[in-house]
C-alpha atoms as a PDB file:
ATOM      1  CA  MET A   1      63.798  80.941  57.982  1.00  0.00           C
ATOM      2  CA  PRO A   2      66.885  80.893  55.801  1.00  0.00           C
ATOM      3  CA  VAL A   3      68.102  77.879  54.180  1.00  0.00           C
ATOM      4  CA  PRO A   4      71.676  76.837  55.390  1.00  0.00           C
ATOM      5  CA  SER A   5      74.553  77.732  52.800  1.00  0.00           C
ATOM      6  CA  ASN A   6      75.630  73.923  52.698  1.00  0.00           C
ATOM      7  CA  TYR A   7      72.196  72.503  52.172  1.00  0.00           C
ATOM      8  CA  ILE A   8      71.486  71.089  48.879  1.00  0.00           C
ATOM      9  CA  GLU A   9      68.013  70.814  47.715  1.00  0.00           C
ATOM     10  CA  PRO A  10      66.948  67.298  46.982  1.00  0.00           C
ATOM     11  CA  GLN A  11      66.599  66.747  43.154  1.00  0.00           C
ATOM     12  CA  LEU A  12      63.936  64.964  41.329  1.00  0.00           C
ATOM     13  CA  ALA A  13      64.335  61.374  40.469  1.00  0.00           C
ATOM     14  CA  PRO A  14      62.084  59.603  37.811  1.00  0.00           C
ATOM     15  CA  PRO A  15      59.499  57.074  39.098  1.00  0.00           C
ATOM     16  CA  ALA A  16      60.760  53.463  39.055  1.00  0.00           C
ATOM     17  CA  GLY A  17      57.504  52.219  37.778  1.00  0.00           C
ATOM     18  CA  PRO A  18      53.516  52.786  37.518  1.00  0.00           C
ATOM     19  CA  SER A  19      52.947  52.442  41.166  1.00  0.00           C
ATOM     20  CA  ALA A  20      56.114  54.198  42.293  1.00  0.00           C
ATOM     21  CA  TYR A  21      55.988  57.681  43.904  1.00  0.00           C
ATOM     22  CA  THR A  22      58.080  60.631  42.511  1.00  0.00           C
ATOM     23  CA  GLY A  23      61.041  60.256  44.569  1.00  0.00           C
ATOM     24  CA  TYR A  24      64.139  62.432  45.646  1.00  0.00           C
ATOM     25  CA  THR A  25      67.811  61.901  45.740  1.00  0.00           C
ATOM     26  CA  LEU A  26      70.145  63.437  48.405  1.00  0.00           C
ATOM     27  CA  GLN A  27      73.168  64.940  47.237  1.00  0.00           C
ATOM     28  CA  SER A  28      76.562  64.783  49.269  1.00  0.00           C
ATOM     29  CA  THR A  29      77.693  68.342  50.721  1.00  0.00           C
ATOM     30  CA  THR A  30      80.548  69.194  52.931  1.00  0.00           C
ATOM     31  CA  ASP A  31      80.592  68.445  56.599  1.00  0.00           C
ATOM     32  CA  VAL A  32      77.537  69.957  58.609  1.00  0.00           C
ATOM     33  CA  PHE A  33      78.647  71.977  61.633  1.00  0.00           C
ATOM     34  CA  LEU A  34      76.341  71.796  64.715  1.00  0.00           C
ATOM     35  CA  GLU A  35      76.138  73.246  68.320  1.00  0.00           C
ATOM     36  CA  PHE A  36      74.941  69.941  69.687  1.00  0.00           C
ATOM     37  CA  LYS A  37      75.232  69.642  73.658  1.00  0.00           C
ATOM     38  CA  PRO A  38      72.903  66.429  74.417  1.00  0.00           C
ATOM     39  CA  TRP A  39      74.313  66.538  77.918  1.00  0.00           C
ATOM     40  CA  LEU A  40      72.248  69.635  78.786  1.00  0.00           C
ATOM     41  CA  ARG A  41      68.939  68.487  80.024  1.00  0.00           C
ATOM     42  CA  GLN A  42      66.985  71.431  78.358  1.00  0.00           C
ATOM     43  CA  ASN A  43      68.310  70.229  74.941  1.00  0.00           C
ATOM     44  CA  HIS A  44      66.641  66.841  75.124  1.00  0.00           C
ATOM     45  CA  ARG A  45      63.437  66.641  73.297  1.00  0.00           C
ATOM     46  CA  GLY A  46      62.388  63.289  74.476  1.00  0.00           C
ATOM     47  CA  GLY A  47      63.177  59.812  72.961  1.00  0.00           C
ATOM     48  CA  ARG A  48      66.006  59.908  70.617  1.00  0.00           C
ATOM     49  CA  ALA A  49      65.670  63.662  69.771  1.00  0.00           C
ATOM     50  CA  TRP A  50      67.797  66.753  70.910  1.00  0.00           C
ATOM     51  CA  ASN A  51      67.638  70.558  69.987  1.00  0.00           C
ATOM     52  CA  ALA A  52      70.844  71.804  68.160  1.00  0.00           C
ATOM     53  CA  ARG A  53      71.853  74.606  65.729  1.00  0.00           C
ATOM     54  CA  LEU A  54      72.938  74.463  62.490  1.00  0.00           C
ATOM     55  CA  LEU A  55      76.257  76.744  62.017  1.00  0.00           C
ATOM     56  CA  PRO A  56      77.132  79.009  61.195  1.00  0.00           C
ATOM     57  CA  GLU A  57      73.725  80.579  60.626  1.00  0.00           C
ATOM     58  CA  LYS A  58      72.495  79.210  63.886  1.00  0.00           C
ATOM     59  CA  ILE A  59      69.268  77.572  62.667  1.00  0.00           C
ATOM     60  CA  PRO A  60      67.461  75.687  65.214  1.00  0.00           C
ATOM     61  CA  VAL A  61      67.401  72.095  64.186  1.00  0.00           C
ATOM     62  CA  ILE A  62      66.570  68.728  65.672  1.00  0.00           C
ATOM     63  CA  VAL A  63      68.985  65.822  65.811  1.00  0.00           C
ATOM     64  CA  LYS A  64      67.448  62.496  66.043  1.00  0.00           C
ATOM     65  CA  CYS A  65      69.992  59.550  66.854  1.00  0.00           C
ATOM     66  CA  TRP A  66      70.173  55.824  66.754  1.00  0.00           C
ATOM     67  CA  ASP A  67      73.087  54.254  68.857  1.00  0.00           C
ATOM     68  CA  SER A  68      75.162  52.358  65.863  1.00  0.00           C
ATOM     69  CA  TYR A  69      76.516  49.776  68.722  1.00  0.00           C
ATOM     70  CA  LYS A  70      72.938  48.800  69.378  1.00  0.00           C
ATOM     71  CA  ASN A  71      71.000  49.479  66.211  1.00  0.00           C
ATOM     72  CA  SER A  72      71.483  48.971  62.422  1.00  0.00           C
ATOM     73  CA  PRO A  73      70.771  51.915  60.064  1.00  0.00           C
ATOM     74  CA  ASP A  74      67.399  50.632  59.018  1.00  0.00           C
ATOM     75  CA  ALA A  75      65.433  53.085  61.357  1.00  0.00           C
ATOM     76  CA  GLN A  76      67.358  55.893  60.186  1.00  0.00           C
ATOM     77  CA  ASN A  77      66.754  54.784  56.490  1.00  0.00           C
ATOM     78  CA  THR A  78      62.937  54.480  57.003  1.00  0.00           C
ATOM     79  CA  GLU A  79      62.841  57.581  58.573  1.00  0.00           C
ATOM     80  CA  VAL A  80      64.657  59.132  55.521  1.00  0.00           C
ATOM     81  CA  ASP A  81      62.324  57.640  53.004  1.00  0.00           C
ATOM     82  CA  ILE A  82      59.304  59.056  54.984  1.00  0.00           C
ATOM     83  CA  TYR A  83      60.733  62.521  54.807  1.00  0.00           C
ATOM     84  CA  LEU A  84      61.544  62.232  51.059  1.00  0.00           C
ATOM     85  CA  ARG A  85      58.030  60.921  50.306  1.00  0.00           C
ATOM     86  CA  LEU A  86      56.692  64.117  52.198  1.00  0.00           C
ATOM     87  CA  HIS A  87      58.757  66.391  50.476  1.00  0.00           C
ATOM     88  CA  GLU A  88      56.029  68.685  49.127  1.00  0.00           C
ATOM     89  CA  LEU A  89      54.927  69.439  52.778  1.00  0.00           C
ATOM     90  CA  TRP A  90      58.245  70.301  54.097  1.00  0.00           C
ATOM     91  CA  GLY A  91      58.104  73.766  55.941  1.00  0.00           C
ATOM     92  CA  ILE A  92      54.276  73.501  55.946  1.00  0.00           C
ATOM     93  CA  CYS A  93      53.207  70.652  58.313  1.00  0.00           C
ATOM     94  CA  VAL A  94      56.619  68.591  58.055  1.00  0.00           C
ATOM     95  CA  PRO A  95      60.114  70.122  59.052  1.00  0.00           C
ATOM     96  CA  LYS A  96      62.633  70.595  56.239  1.00  0.00           C
ATOM     97  CA  PHE A  97      64.767  67.817  56.032  1.00  0.00           C
ATOM     98  CA  ILE A  98      68.355  69.181  56.321  1.00  0.00           C
ATOM     99  CA  ALA A  99      70.763  66.000  56.509  1.00  0.00           C
ATOM    100  CA  VAL A 100      71.282  62.425  57.204  1.00  0.00           C
ATOM    101  CA  GLY A 101      74.650  60.760  58.293  1.00  0.00           C
ATOM    102  CA  ARG A 102      76.695  60.181  61.432  1.00  0.00           C
ATOM    103  CA  VAL A 103      77.116  62.198  64.496  1.00  0.00           C
ATOM    104  CA  ALA A 104      79.705  60.700  66.616  1.00  0.00           C
ATOM    105  CA  PHE A 105      78.812  57.013  67.228  1.00  0.00           C
ATOM    106  CA  CYS A 106      75.178  57.476  65.918  1.00  0.00           C
ATOM    107  CA  TYR A 107      73.039  56.995  63.029  1.00  0.00           C
ATOM    108  CA  ALA A 108      71.450  60.695  62.755  1.00  0.00           C
ATOM    109  CA  ILE A 109      68.930  62.764  60.749  1.00  0.00           C
ATOM    110  CA  ILE A 110      68.628  66.373  60.965  1.00  0.00           C
ATOM    111  CA  PRO A 111      65.437  68.095  60.166  1.00  0.00           C
ATOM    112  CA  GLU A 112      64.713  71.932  61.087  1.00  0.00           C
ATOM    113  CA  ASP A 113      63.019  72.753  64.108  1.00  0.00           C
ATOM    114  CA  LEU A 114      59.605  74.025  63.422  1.00  0.00           C
END
């Protein structure tokens, strides 16, 4: 599956100490454009996840959202940290991590759909 043109590969960051894992940092990019229709029943994956497509390439992705009126960004940040720690497994048994940010009033992460 091709990588979106606006995707920026996370960059290696030096470990913070002897017990730290080799981390990655995310870089900012321009807006990510989605075809996202959460009101369609067939797009709901269960829980907080919906099918969407990353435009213009129409790459299938998952949008996982947390209502920002009811939740802090802590859960989103925890999942981002987990994805970054599993970077070596992206595209093998863990979806590639595409983006983190806001979708409307929700905190969101967007991995590819395997």
